[in-house]
């Protein structure tokens, strides 16, 4: 197979420090690499398991038409955790159709990240 997986998801954000803190505190991502491009653009890479987020501070941020999803093994506990941190709800918890038999009975909810990015929780 020529292509095997998505390497990372990049988020253009207005405040990289605030965003890094959010994904560390709320979801448990860890910063594992930082770099600066030749033109001085700072990029922060965060990791949760095999999932990589690239945080890139931009002067103007426009989010439209995309989201990413984080899987949980304990949906109720994850929703309680997000509620306890007052994370804004975009779509409240609701059943989701299974893509495979093992997903029967799963739920999903969608929350707003610091710059309005959509973060789906599924499990």
PDB file of N, CA and C in Angstrom:
ATOM      1  N   UNK A   1       0.845  -1.170   0.000  1.00  0.00           N
ATOM      2  CA  UNK A   1       0.000   0.000   0.000  1.00  0.00           C
ATOM      3  C   UNK A   1       0.898   1.243   0.000  1.00  0.00           C
ATOM      4  N   UNK A   2       0.610   2.161  -0.851  1.00  0.00           N
ATOM      5  CA  UNK A   2       1.415   3.372  -0.971  1.00  0.00           C
ATOM      6  C   UNK A   2       1.218   4.302   0.221  1.00  0.00           C
ATOM      7  N   UNK A   3      -0.025   4.449   0.685  1.00  0.00           N
ATOM      8  CA  UNK A   3      -0.325   5.309   1.836  1.00  0.00           C
ATOM      9  C   UNK A   3      -0.831   4.451   2.977  1.00  0.00           C
ATOM     10  N   UNK A   4      -0.410   4.762   4.209  1.00  0.00           N
ATOM     11  CA  UNK A   4      -0.760   3.874   5.313  1.00  0.00           C
ATOM     12  C   UNK A   4      -1.586   4.518   6.427  1.00  0.00           C
ATOM     13  N   UNK A   5      -1.463   5.834   6.627  1.00  0.00           N
ATOM     14  CA  UNK A   5      -2.200   6.463   7.728  1.00  0.00           C
ATOM     15  C   UNK A   5      -2.051   7.972   7.643  1.00  0.00           C
ATOM     16  N   UNK A   6      -2.843   8.678   8.411  1.00  0.00           N
ATOM     17  CA  UNK A   6      -2.657  10.123   8.558  1.00  0.00           C
ATOM     18  C   UNK A   6      -1.523  10.322   9.548  1.00  0.00           C
ATOM     19  N   UNK A   7      -0.531  11.097   9.196  1.00  0.00           N
ATOM     20  CA  UNK A   7       0.616  11.328  10.070  1.00  0.00           C
ATOM     21  C   UNK A   7       0.273  12.272  11.211  1.00  0.00           C
ATOM     22  N   UNK A   8      -0.423  13.371  10.905  1.00  0.00           N
ATOM     23  CA  UNK A   8      -0.802  14.320  11.956  1.00  0.00           C
ATOM     24  C   UNK A   8      -1.963  15.186  11.484  1.00  0.00           C
ATOM     25  N   UNK A   9      -2.589  15.842  12.422  1.00  0.00           N
ATOM     26  CA  UNK A   9      -3.631  16.827  12.163  1.00  0.00           C
ATOM     27  C   UNK A   9      -3.060  18.171  12.599  1.00  0.00           C
ATOM     28  N   UNK A  10      -3.129  19.180  11.726  1.00  0.00           N
ATOM     29  CA  UNK A  10      -2.600  20.510  12.049  1.00  0.00           C
ATOM     30  C   UNK A  10      -3.745  21.434  12.442  1.00  0.00           C
ATOM     31  N   UNK A  11      -3.533  22.173  13.511  1.00  0.00           N
ATOM     32  CA  UNK A  11      -4.492  23.173  13.962  1.00  0.00           C
ATOM     33  C   UNK A  11      -3.848  24.545  13.880  1.00  0.00           C
ATOM     34  N   UNK A  12      -4.445  25.429  13.104  1.00  0.00           N
ATOM     35  CA  UNK A  12      -4.028  26.829  13.088  1.00  0.00           C
ATOM     36  C   UNK A  12      -4.777  27.524  14.216  1.00  0.00           C
ATOM     37  N   UNK A  13      -4.045  28.124  15.131  1.00  0.00           N
ATOM     38  CA  UNK A  13      -4.658  28.692  16.332  1.00  0.00           C
ATOM     39  C   UNK A  13      -4.208  30.130  16.535  1.00  0.00           C
ATOM     40  N   UNK A  14      -4.993  30.868  17.311  1.00  0.00           N
ATOM     41  CA  UNK A  14      -4.660  32.264  17.582  1.00  0.00           C
ATOM     42  C   UNK A  14      -3.725  32.419  18.777  1.00  0.00           C
ATOM     43  N   UNK A  15      -3.706  31.425  19.670  1.00  0.00           N
ATOM     44  CA  UNK A  15      -2.875  31.483  20.873  1.00  0.00           C
ATOM     45  C   UNK A  15      -2.333  30.084  21.146  1.00  0.00           C
ATOM     46  N   UNK A  16      -1.127  29.798  20.677  1.00  0.00           N
ATOM     47  CA  UNK A  16      -0.582  28.444  20.797  1.00  0.00           C
ATOM     48  C   UNK A  16      -0.404  28.016  22.253  1.00  0.00           C
ATOM     49  N   UNK A  17      -0.040  28.938  23.118  1.00  0.00           N
ATOM     50  CA  UNK A  17       0.135  28.603  24.533  1.00  0.00           C
ATOM     51  C   UNK A  17      -1.181  28.134  25.153  1.00  0.00           C
ATOM     52  N   UNK A  18      -2.258  28.857  24.879  1.00  0.00           N
ATOM     53  CA  UNK A  18      -3.592  28.511  25.381  1.00  0.00           C
ATOM     54  C   UNK A  18      -4.035  27.158  24.822  1.00  0.00           C
ATOM     55  N   UNK A  19      -3.776  26.937  23.541  1.00  0.00           N
ATOM     56  CA  UNK A  19      -4.179  25.681  22.903  1.00  0.00           C
ATOM     57  C   UNK A  19      -3.406  24.500  23.458  1.00  0.00           C
ATOM     58  N   UNK A  20      -2.101  24.639  23.623  1.00  0.00           N
ATOM     59  CA  UNK A  20      -1.289  23.568  24.192  1.00  0.00           C
ATOM     60  C   UNK A  20      -1.792  23.230  25.590  1.00  0.00           C
ATOM     61  N   UNK A  21      -2.038  24.226  26.398  1.00  0.00           N
ATOM     62  CA  UNK A  21      -2.551  24.012  27.762  1.00  0.00           C
ATOM     63  C   UNK A  21      -3.885  23.263  27.729  1.00  0.00           C
ATOM     64  N   UNK A  22      -4.777  23.643  26.819  1.00  0.00           N
ATOM     65  CA  UNK A  22      -6.088  23.007  26.681  1.00  0.00           C
ATOM     66  C   UNK A  22      -5.940  21.517  26.373  1.00  0.00           C
ATOM     67  N   UNK A  23      -5.172  21.175  25.352  1.00  0.00           N
ATOM     68  CA  UNK A  23      -5.050  19.771  24.953  1.00  0.00           C
ATOM     69  C   UNK A  23      -4.253  18.945  25.964  1.00  0.00           C
ATOM     70  N   UNK A  24      -3.345  19.581  26.705  1.00  0.00           N
ATOM     71  CA  UNK A  24      -2.642  18.879  27.781  1.00  0.00           C
ATOM     72  C   UNK A  24      -3.587  18.600  28.942  1.00  0.00           C
ATOM     73  N   UNK A  25      -4.246  19.632  29.419  1.00  0.00           N
ATOM     74  CA  UNK A  25      -5.086  19.535  30.609  1.00  0.00           C
ATOM     75  C   UNK A  25      -6.331  18.693  30.384  1.00  0.00           C
ATOM     76  N   UNK A  26      -7.011  18.908  29.284  1.00  0.00           N
ATOM     77  CA  UNK A  26      -8.295  18.266  29.056  1.00  0.00           C
ATOM     78  C   UNK A  26      -8.156  16.849  28.513  1.00  0.00           C
ATOM     79  N   UNK A  27      -7.259  16.630  27.563  1.00  0.00           N
ATOM     80  CA  UNK A  27      -7.183  15.335  26.892  1.00  0.00           C
ATOM     81  C   UNK A  27      -5.919  14.533  27.186  1.00  0.00           C
ATOM     82  N   UNK A  28      -4.922  15.128  27.811  1.00  0.00           N
ATOM     83  CA  UNK A  28      -3.709  14.393  28.156  1.00  0.00           C
ATOM     84  C   UNK A  28      -2.648  14.344  27.074  1.00  0.00           C
ATOM     85  N   UNK A  29      -2.751  15.200  26.054  1.00  0.00           N
ATOM     86  CA  UNK A  29      -1.693  15.279  25.048  1.00  0.00           C
ATOM     87  C   UNK A  29      -0.410  15.775  25.710  1.00  0.00           C
ATOM     88  N   UNK A  30       0.723  15.361  25.170  1.00  0.00           N
ATOM     89  CA  UNK A  30       2.025  15.798  25.665  1.00  0.00           C
ATOM     90  C   UNK A  30       2.807  16.432  24.525  1.00  0.00           C
ATOM     91  N   UNK A  31       3.472  17.553  24.817  1.00  0.00           N
ATOM     92  CA  UNK A  31       4.362  18.166  23.828  1.00  0.00           C
ATOM     93  C   UNK A  31       5.576  17.253  23.683  1.00  0.00           C
ATOM     94  N   UNK A  32       5.917  16.889  22.447  1.00  0.00           N
ATOM     95  CA  UNK A  32       7.084  16.037  22.250  1.00  0.00           C
ATOM     96  C   UNK A  32       8.104  16.624  21.290  1.00  0.00           C
ATOM     97  N   UNK A  33       7.732  17.684  20.579  1.00  0.00           N
ATOM     98  CA  UNK A  33       8.694  18.293  19.660  1.00  0.00           C
ATOM     99  C   UNK A  33       8.248  19.707  19.336  1.00  0.00           C
ATOM    100  N   UNK A  34       9.218  20.594  19.157  1.00  0.00           N
ATOM    101  CA  UNK A  34       8.943  21.969  18.724  1.00  0.00           C
ATOM    102  C   UNK A  34       9.979  22.330  17.677  1.00  0.00           C
ATOM    103  N   UNK A  35       9.571  23.151  16.728  1.00  0.00           N
ATOM    104  CA  UNK A  35      10.515  23.605  15.715  1.00  0.00           C
ATOM    105  C   UNK A  35      10.134  25.006  15.270  1.00  0.00           C
ATOM    106  N   UNK A  36      11.076  25.660  14.663  1.00  0.00           N
ATOM    107  CA  UNK A  36      10.839  26.986  14.105  1.00  0.00           C
ATOM    108  C   UNK A  36      11.293  26.950  12.650  1.00  0.00           C
ATOM    109  N   UNK A  37      10.415  27.392  11.756  1.00  0.00           N
ATOM    110  CA  UNK A  37      10.739  27.393  10.337  1.00  0.00           C
ATOM    111  C   UNK A  37      11.761  28.488  10.036  1.00  0.00           C
ATOM    112  N   UNK A  38      12.294  28.477   8.821  1.00  0.00           N
ATOM    113  CA  UNK A  38      13.283  29.477   8.413  1.00  0.00           C
ATOM    114  C   UNK A  38      12.740  30.900   8.503  1.00  0.00           C
ATOM    115  N   UNK A  39      11.414  31.053   8.329  1.00  0.00           N
ATOM    116  CA  UNK A  39      10.834  32.397   8.409  1.00  0.00           C
ATOM    117  C   UNK A  39      10.349  32.747   9.822  1.00  0.00           C
ATOM    118  N   UNK A  40      10.735  31.929  10.821  1.00  0.00           N
ATOM    119  CA  UNK A  40      10.429  32.244  12.212  1.00  0.00           C
ATOM    120  C   UNK A  40       9.088  31.745  12.723  1.00  0.00           C
ATOM    121  N   UNK A  41       8.426  30.902  11.961  1.00  0.00           N
ATOM    122  CA  UNK A  41       7.122  30.357  12.362  1.00  0.00           C
ATOM    123  C   UNK A  41       7.321  29.204  13.346  1.00  0.00           C
ATOM    124  N   UNK A  42       6.782  29.325  14.555  1.00  0.00           N
ATOM    125  CA  UNK A  42       6.943  28.324  15.614  1.00  0.00           C
ATOM    126  C   UNK A  42       5.848  27.262  15.500  1.00  0.00           C
ATOM    127  N   UNK A  43       6.247  25.989  15.555  1.00  0.00           N
ATOM    128  CA  UNK A  43       5.323  24.862  15.470  1.00  0.00           C
ATOM    129  C   UNK A  43       5.553  23.956  16.673  1.00  0.00           C
ATOM    130  N   UNK A  44       4.447  23.518  17.294  1.00  0.00           N
ATOM    131  CA  UNK A  44       4.504  22.640  18.459  1.00  0.00           C
ATOM    132  C   UNK A  44       3.795  21.336  18.096  1.00  0.00           C
ATOM    133  N   UNK A  45       4.462  20.204  18.340  1.00  0.00           N
ATOM    134  CA  UNK A  45       3.857  18.896  18.089  1.00  0.00           C
ATOM    135  C   UNK A  45       3.470  18.266  19.421  1.00  0.00           C
ATOM    136  N   UNK A  46       2.233  17.781  19.481  1.00  0.00           N
ATOM    137  CA  UNK A  46       1.712  17.138  20.680  1.00  0.00           C
ATOM    138  C   UNK A  46       1.267  15.726  20.318  1.00  0.00           C
ATOM    139  N   UNK A  47       1.358  14.819  21.305  1.00  0.00           N
ATOM    140  CA  UNK A  47       1.047  13.428  21.033  1.00  0.00           C
ATOM    141  C   UNK A  47       0.150  12.845  22.113  1.00  0.00           C
ATOM    142  N   UNK A  48      -0.812  12.019  21.685  1.00  0.00           N
ATOM    143  CA  UNK A  48      -1.666  11.221  22.567  1.00  0.00           C
ATOM    144  C   UNK A  48      -1.733   9.842  21.933  1.00  0.00           C
ATOM    145  N   UNK A  49      -1.041   8.871  22.520  1.00  0.00           N
ATOM    146  CA  UNK A  49      -0.927   7.566  21.860  1.00  0.00           C
ATOM    147  C   UNK A  49      -0.211   7.755  20.534  1.00  0.00           C
ATOM    148  N   UNK A  50      -0.853   7.318  19.449  1.00  0.00           N
ATOM    149  CA  UNK A  50      -0.287   7.490  18.112  1.00  0.00           C
ATOM    150  C   UNK A  50      -0.859   8.708  17.394  1.00  0.00           C
ATOM    151  N   UNK A  51      -1.673   9.500  18.079  1.00  0.00           N
ATOM    152  CA  UNK A  51      -2.300  10.676  17.476  1.00  0.00           C
ATOM    153  C   UNK A  51      -1.405  11.893  17.672  1.00  0.00           C
ATOM    154  N   UNK A  52      -1.135  12.605  16.578  1.00  0.00           N
ATOM    155  CA  UNK A  52      -0.266  13.779  16.643  1.00  0.00           C
ATOM    156  C   UNK A  52      -1.040  15.018  16.209  1.00  0.00           C
ATOM    157  N   UNK A  53      -0.957  16.059  17.034  1.00  0.00           N
ATOM    158  CA  UNK A  53      -1.491  17.372  16.687  1.00  0.00           C
ATOM    159  C   UNK A  53      -0.323  18.304  16.427  1.00  0.00           C
ATOM    160  N   UNK A  54      -0.403  19.058  15.367  1.00  0.00           N
ATOM    161  CA  UNK A  54       0.572  20.104  15.068  1.00  0.00           C
ATOM    162  C   UNK A  54      -0.106  21.434  15.364  1.00  0.00           C
ATOM    163  N   UNK A  55       0.423  22.170  16.314  1.00  0.00           N
ATOM    164  CA  UNK A  55      -0.149  23.453  16.720  1.00  0.00           C
ATOM    165  C   UNK A  55       0.672  24.554  16.071  1.00  0.00           C
ATOM    166  N   UNK A  56      -0.012  25.397  15.303  1.00  0.00           N
ATOM    167  CA  UNK A  56       0.655  26.447  14.549  1.00  0.00           C
ATOM    168  C   UNK A  56      -0.073  27.767  14.769  1.00  0.00           C
ATOM    169  N   UNK A  57       0.600  28.722  15.404  1.00  0.00           N
ATOM    170  CA  UNK A  57      -0.034  30.014  15.674  1.00  0.00           C
ATOM    171  C   UNK A  57      -0.099  30.838  14.391  1.00  0.00           C
ATOM    172  N   UNK A  58      -1.272  31.399  14.134  1.00  0.00           N
ATOM    173  CA  UNK A  58      -1.518  32.188  12.931  1.00  0.00           C
ATOM    174  C   UNK A  58      -2.090  33.550  13.303  1.00  0.00           C
ATOM    175  N   UNK A  59      -1.887  34.536  12.445  1.00  0.00           N
ATOM    176  CA  UNK A  59      -2.456  35.860  12.686  1.00  0.00           C
ATOM    177  C   UNK A  59      -3.971  35.836  12.558  1.00  0.00           C
ATOM    178  N   UNK A  60      -4.473  35.133  11.537  1.00  0.00           N
ATOM    179  CA  UNK A  60      -5.907  35.005  11.339  1.00  0.00           C
ATOM    180  C   UNK A  60      -6.258  33.524  11.343  1.00  0.00           C
ATOM    181  N   UNK A  61      -7.307  33.173  12.083  1.00  0.00           N
ATOM    182  CA  UNK A  61      -7.725  31.784  12.179  1.00  0.00           C
ATOM    183  C   UNK A  61      -9.159  31.682  11.687  1.00  0.00           C
ATOM    184  N   UNK A  62      -9.382  30.808  10.712  1.00  0.00           N
ATOM    185  CA  UNK A  62     -10.726  30.558  10.203  1.00  0.00           C
ATOM    186  C   UNK A  62     -10.933  29.049  10.193  1.00  0.00           C
ATOM    187  N   UNK A  63     -11.911  28.590  10.979  1.00  0.00           N
ATOM    188  CA  UNK A  63     -12.235  27.162  11.019  1.00  0.00           C
ATOM    189  C   UNK A  63     -13.562  26.964  10.322  1.00  0.00           C
ATOM    190  N   UNK A  64     -13.604  25.993   9.438  1.00  0.00           N
ATOM    191  CA  UNK A  64     -14.847  25.710   8.750  1.00  0.00           C
ATOM    192  C   UNK A  64     -14.782  24.333   8.111  1.00  0.00           C
ATOM    193  N   UNK A  65     -15.809  23.537   8.370  1.00  0.00           N
ATOM    194  CA  UNK A  65     -15.978  22.298   7.634  1.00  0.00           C
ATOM    195  C   UNK A  65     -15.109  21.125   8.044  1.00  0.00           C
ATOM    196  N   UNK A  66     -14.529  21.131   9.230  1.00  0.00           N
ATOM    197  CA  UNK A  66     -13.755  19.961   9.635  1.00  0.00           C
ATOM    198  C   UNK A  66     -13.844  19.755  11.136  1.00  0.00           C
ATOM    199  N   UNK A  67     -13.503  18.562  11.547  1.00  0.00           N
ATOM    200  CA  UNK A  67     -13.380  18.225  12.960  1.00  0.00           C
ATOM    201  C   UNK A  67     -12.419  17.052  13.066  1.00  0.00           C
ATOM    202  N   UNK A  68     -12.024  16.730  14.280  1.00  0.00           N
ATOM    203  CA  UNK A  68     -11.318  15.485  14.507  1.00  0.00           C
ATOM    204  C   UNK A  68     -11.964  14.808  15.698  1.00  0.00           C
ATOM    205  N   UNK A  69     -11.732  13.516  15.824  1.00  0.00           N
ATOM    206  CA  UNK A  69     -12.427  12.719  16.821  1.00  0.00           C
ATOM    207  C   UNK A  69     -11.423  12.020  17.729  1.00  0.00           C
ATOM    208  N   UNK A  70     -11.716  12.038  19.026  1.00  0.00           N
ATOM    209  CA  UNK A  70     -10.911  11.331  20.018  1.00  0.00           C
ATOM    210  C   UNK A  70     -11.762  10.198  20.584  1.00  0.00           C
ATOM    211  N   UNK A  71     -11.232   8.992  20.540  1.00  0.00           N
ATOM    212  CA  UNK A  71     -11.939   7.821  21.054  1.00  0.00           C
ATOM    213  C   UNK A  71     -11.768   7.734  22.566  1.00  0.00           C
ATOM    214  N   UNK A  72     -12.801   7.270  23.247  1.00  0.00           N
ATOM    215  CA  UNK A  72     -12.727   7.027  24.678  1.00  0.00           C
ATOM    216  C   UNK A  72     -13.247   5.633  24.992  1.00  0.00           C
ATOM    217  N   UNK A  73     -12.685   4.997  25.995  1.00  0.00           N
ATOM    218  CA  UNK A  73     -13.170   3.690  26.431  1.00  0.00           C
ATOM    219  C   UNK A  73     -14.224   3.818  27.522  1.00  0.00           C
ATOM    220  N   UNK A  74     -14.431   5.049  28.031  1.00  0.00           N
ATOM    221  CA  UNK A  74     -15.452   5.294  29.046  1.00  0.00           C
ATOM    222  C   UNK A  74     -16.159   6.610  28.708  1.00  0.00           C
ATOM    223  N   UNK A  75     -17.178   6.515  27.874  1.00  0.00           N
ATOM    224  CA  UNK A  75     -17.852   7.702  27.357  1.00  0.00           C
ATOM    225  C   UNK A  75     -18.434   8.568  28.483  1.00  0.00           C
ATOM    226  N   UNK A  76     -19.138   7.962  29.423  1.00  0.00           N
ATOM    227  CA  UNK A  76     -19.764   8.728  30.505  1.00  0.00           C
ATOM    228  C   UNK A  76     -18.725   9.492  31.330  1.00  0.00           C
ATOM    229  N   UNK A  77     -17.625   8.834  31.636  1.00  0.00           N
ATOM    230  CA  UNK A  77     -16.567   9.479  32.415  1.00  0.00           C
ATOM    231  C   UNK A  77     -15.925  10.618  31.612  1.00  0.00           C
ATOM    232  N   UNK A  78     -15.727  10.414  30.310  1.00  0.00           N
ATOM    233  CA  UNK A  78     -15.155  11.459  29.450  1.00  0.00           C
ATOM    234  C   UNK A  78     -16.076  12.677  29.396  1.00  0.00           C
ATOM    235  N   UNK A  79     -17.374  12.448  29.266  1.00  0.00           N
ATOM    236  CA  UNK A  79     -18.340  13.556  29.204  1.00  0.00           C
ATOM    237  C   UNK A  79     -18.359  14.299  30.541  1.00  0.00           C
ATOM    238  N   UNK A  80     -18.316  13.576  31.638  1.00  0.00           N
ATOM    239  CA  UNK A  80     -18.262  14.213  32.969  1.00  0.00           C
ATOM    240  C   UNK A  80     -17.005  15.053  33.117  1.00  0.00           C
ATOM    241  N   UNK A  81     -15.883  14.540  32.630  1.00  0.00           N
ATOM    242  CA  UNK A  81     -14.601  15.258  32.688  1.00  0.00           C
ATOM    243  C   UNK A  81     -14.697  16.576  31.911  1.00  0.00           C
ATOM    244  N   UNK A  82     -15.239  16.512  30.695  1.00  0.00           N
ATOM    245  CA  UNK A  82     -15.366  17.722  29.872  1.00  0.00           C
ATOM    246  C   UNK A  82     -16.337  18.715  30.504  1.00  0.00           C
ATOM    247  N   UNK A  83     -17.425  18.212  31.069  1.00  0.00           N
ATOM    248  CA  UNK A  83     -18.406  19.084  31.747  1.00  0.00           C
ATOM    249  C   UNK A  83     -17.777  19.761  32.962  1.00  0.00           C
ATOM    250  N   UNK A  84     -16.985  19.017  33.725  1.00  0.00           N
ATOM    251  CA  UNK A  84     -16.337  19.568  34.913  1.00  0.00           C
ATOM    252  C   UNK A  84     -15.368  20.692  34.555  1.00  0.00           C
ATOM    253  N   UNK A  85     -14.824  20.654  33.332  1.00  0.00           N
ATOM    254  CA  UNK A  85     -13.912  21.701  32.869  1.00  0.00           C
ATOM    255  C   UNK A  85     -14.627  22.780  32.046  1.00  0.00           C
ATOM    256  N   UNK A  86     -15.972  22.714  32.036  1.00  0.00           N
ATOM    257  CA  UNK A  86     -16.795  23.714  31.335  1.00  0.00           C
ATOM    258  C   UNK A  86     -16.426  23.882  29.865  1.00  0.00           C
ATOM    259  N   UNK A  87     -16.127  22.768  29.196  1.00  0.00           N
ATOM    260  CA  UNK A  87     -15.813  22.812  27.766  1.00  0.00           C
ATOM    261  C   UNK A  87     -17.132  23.016  27.015  1.00  0.00           C
ATOM    262  N   UNK A  88     -17.207  24.023  26.148  1.00  0.00           N
ATOM    263  CA  UNK A  88     -18.467  24.300  25.449  1.00  0.00           C
ATOM    264  C   UNK A  88     -18.920  23.137  24.564  1.00  0.00           C
ATOM    265  N   UNK A  89     -20.207  22.815  24.659  1.00  0.00           N
ATOM    266  CA  UNK A  89     -20.806  21.734  23.880  1.00  0.00           C
ATOM    267  C   UNK A  89     -21.298  22.283  22.552  1.00  0.00           C
ATOM    268  N   UNK A  90     -20.911  21.622  21.463  1.00  0.00           N
ATOM    269  CA  UNK A  90     -21.407  21.964  20.131  1.00  0.00           C
ATOM    270  C   UNK A  90     -22.589  21.060  19.781  1.00  0.00           C
ATOM    271  N   UNK A  91     -22.443  19.759  20.050  1.00  0.00           N
ATOM    272  CA  UNK A  91     -23.534  18.791  19.918  1.00  0.00           C
ATOM    273  C   UNK A  91     -23.522  17.941  21.180  1.00  0.00           C
ATOM    274  N   UNK A  92     -24.648  17.869  21.897  1.00  0.00           N
ATOM    275  CA  UNK A  92     -24.676  17.076  23.130  1.00  0.00           C
ATOM    276  C   UNK A  92     -24.556  15.579  22.837  1.00  0.00           C
ATOM    277  N   UNK A  93     -24.268  14.789  23.869  1.00  0.00           N
ATOM    278  CA  UNK A  93     -24.142  13.345  23.679  1.00  0.00           C
ATOM    279  C   UNK A  93     -25.400  12.753  23.036  1.00  0.00           C
ATOM    280  N   UNK A  94     -25.158  11.856  22.085  1.00  0.00           N
ATOM    281  CA  UNK A  94     -26.259  11.179  21.394  1.00  0.00           C
ATOM    282  C   UNK A  94     -25.732   9.884  20.768  1.00  0.00           C
ATOM    283  N   UNK A  95     -26.638   8.933  20.520  1.00  0.00           N
ATOM    284  CA  UNK A  95     -26.209   7.676  19.900  1.00  0.00           C
ATOM    285  C   UNK A  95     -25.645   7.924  18.504  1.00  0.00           C
ATOM    286  N   UNK A  96     -24.725   7.071  18.105  1.00  0.00           N
ATOM    287  CA  UNK A  96     -24.162   7.142  16.763  1.00  0.00           C
ATOM    288  C   UNK A  96     -24.244   5.764  16.121  1.00  0.00           C
ATOM    289  N   UNK A  97     -24.465   5.756  14.835  1.00  0.00           N
ATOM    290  CA  UNK A  97     -24.583   4.485  14.117  1.00  0.00           C
ATOM    291  C   UNK A  97     -23.238   3.763  14.111  1.00  0.00           C
ATOM    292  N   UNK A  98     -23.257   2.459  14.359  1.00  0.00           N
ATOM    293  CA  UNK A  98     -21.996   1.705  14.329  1.00  0.00           C
ATOM    294  C   UNK A  98     -21.481   1.544  12.908  1.00  0.00           C
ATOM    295  N   UNK A  99     -20.176   1.694  12.750  1.00  0.00           N
ATOM    296  CA  UNK A  99     -19.531   1.431  11.458  1.00  0.00           C
ATOM    297  C   UNK A  99     -19.121  -0.036  11.381  1.00  0.00           C
ATOM    298  N   UNK A 100     -18.893  -0.616  12.557  1.00  0.00           N
ATOM    299  CA  UNK A 100     -18.569  -2.040  12.663  1.00  0.00           C
ATOM    300  C   UNK A 100     -19.390  -2.604  13.822  1.00  0.00           C
ATOM    301  N   UNK A 101     -19.588  -3.927  13.886  1.00  0.00           N
ATOM    302  CA  UNK A 101     -20.372  -4.503  14.990  1.00  0.00           C
ATOM    303  C   UNK A 101     -19.840  -4.148  16.381  1.00  0.00           C
ATOM    304  N   UNK A 102     -18.526  -3.983  16.511  1.00  0.00           N
ATOM    305  CA  UNK A 102     -17.950  -3.667  17.829  1.00  0.00           C
ATOM    306  C   UNK A 102     -18.343  -2.273  18.322  1.00  0.00           C
ATOM    307  N   UNK A 103     -18.847  -1.420  17.432  1.00  0.00           N
ATOM    308  CA  UNK A 103     -19.236  -0.063  17.818  1.00  0.00           C
ATOM    309  C   UNK A 103     -20.719   0.053  18.183  1.00  0.00           C
ATOM    310  N   UNK A 104     -21.431  -1.062  18.203  1.00  0.00           N
ATOM    311  CA  UNK A 104     -22.853  -1.035  18.552  1.00  0.00           C
ATOM    312  C   UNK A 104     -23.031  -0.480  19.964  1.00  0.00           C
ATOM    313  N   UNK A 105     -23.923   0.486  20.098  1.00  0.00           N
ATOM    314  CA  UNK A 105     -24.181   1.106  21.398  1.00  0.00           C
ATOM    315  C   UNK A 105     -23.302   2.306  21.712  1.00  0.00           C
ATOM    316  N   UNK A 106     -22.410   2.664  20.792  1.00  0.00           N
ATOM    317  CA  UNK A 106     -21.531   3.808  21.025  1.00  0.00           C
ATOM    318  C   UNK A 106     -22.325   5.107  21.027  1.00  0.00           C
ATOM    319  N   UNK A 107     -21.740   6.107  21.673  1.00  0.00           N
ATOM    320  CA  UNK A 107     -22.301   7.451  21.733  1.00  0.00           C
ATOM    321  C   UNK A 107     -21.260   8.414  21.162  1.00  0.00           C
ATOM    322  N   UNK A 108     -21.718   9.619  20.843  1.00  0.00           N
ATOM    323  CA  UNK A 108     -20.802  10.665  20.392  1.00  0.00           C
ATOM    324  C   UNK A 108     -21.300  12.005  20.912  1.00  0.00           C
ATOM    325  N   UNK A 109     -20.374  12.943  21.031  1.00  0.00           N
ATOM    326  CA  UNK A 109     -20.661  14.332  21.391  1.00  0.00           C
ATOM    327  C   UNK A 109     -19.579  15.177  20.737  1.00  0.00           C
ATOM    328  N   UNK A 110     -19.888  16.444  20.508  1.00  0.00           N
ATOM    329  CA  UNK A 110     -18.911  17.330  19.878  1.00  0.00           C
ATOM    330  C   UNK A 110     -18.751  18.572  20.748  1.00  0.00           C
ATOM    331  N   UNK A 111     -17.506  18.957  20.985  1.00  0.00           N
ATOM    332  CA  UNK A 111     -17.164  20.100  21.827  1.00  0.00           C
ATOM    333  C   UNK A 111     -16.379  21.124  21.027  1.00  0.00           C
ATOM    334  N   UNK A 112     -16.260  22.323  21.586  1.00  0.00           N
ATOM    335  CA  UNK A 112     -15.500  23.391  20.947  1.00  0.00           C
ATOM    336  C   UNK A 112     -14.144  23.546  21.632  1.00  0.00           C
ATOM    337  N   UNK A 113     -13.091  23.575  20.818  1.00  0.00           N
ATOM    338  CA  UNK A 113     -11.759  23.846  21.327  1.00  0.00           C
ATOM    339  C   UNK A 113     -11.556  25.345  21.487  1.00  0.00           C
ATOM    340  N   UNK A 114     -10.378  25.782  21.920  1.00  0.00           N
ATOM    341  CA  UNK A 114     -10.121  27.191  22.214  1.00  0.00           C
ATOM    342  C   UNK A 114     -10.347  28.159  21.058  1.00  0.00           C
ATOM    343  N   UNK A 115     -10.147  27.710  19.818  1.00  0.00           N
ATOM    344  CA  UNK A 115     -10.353  28.576  18.656  1.00  0.00           C
ATOM    345  C   UNK A 115     -11.603  28.200  17.874  1.00  0.00           C
ATOM    346  N   UNK A 116     -12.516  27.461  18.505  1.00  0.00           N
ATOM    347  CA  UNK A 116     -13.737  27.066  17.827  1.00  0.00           C
ATOM    348  C   UNK A 116     -13.603  25.800  17.005  1.00  0.00           C
ATOM    349  N   UNK A 117     -12.436  25.138  17.077  1.00  0.00           N
ATOM    350  CA  UNK A 117     -12.299  23.875  16.360  1.00  0.00           C
ATOM    351  C   UNK A 117     -13.229  22.844  16.991  1.00  0.00           C
ATOM    352  N   UNK A 118     -13.754  21.939  16.174  1.00  0.00           N
ATOM    353  CA  UNK A 118     -14.681  20.928  16.651  1.00  0.00           C
ATOM    354  C   UNK A 118     -13.916  19.673  17.060  1.00  0.00           C
ATOM    355  N   UNK A 119     -14.165  19.218  18.285  1.00  0.00           N
ATOM    356  CA  UNK A 119     -13.516  18.015  18.816  1.00  0.00           C
ATOM    357  C   UNK A 119     -14.622  17.022  19.153  1.00  0.00           C
ATOM    358  N   UNK A 120     -14.699  15.958  18.363  1.00  0.00           N
ATOM    359  CA  UNK A 120     -15.697  14.916  18.590  1.00  0.00           C
ATOM    360  C   UNK A 120     -15.151  13.909  19.592  1.00  0.00           C
ATOM    361  N   UNK A 121     -16.029  13.447  20.480  1.00  0.00           N
ATOM    362  CA  UNK A 121     -15.709  12.377  21.432  1.00  0.00           C
ATOM    363  C   UNK A 121     -16.605  11.217  21.056  1.00  0.00           C
ATOM    364  N   UNK A 122     -16.030  10.037  20.959  1.00  0.00           N
ATOM    365  CA  UNK A 122     -16.789   8.881  20.494  1.00  0.00           C
ATOM    366  C   UNK A 122     -16.358   7.641  21.282  1.00  0.00           C
ATOM    367  N   UNK A 123     -17.326   6.852  21.672  1.00  0.00           N
ATOM    368  CA  UNK A 123     -17.004   5.605  22.351  1.00  0.00           C
ATOM    369  C   UNK A 123     -18.237   4.982  22.970  1.00  0.00           C
TER     370      UNK A 123
END
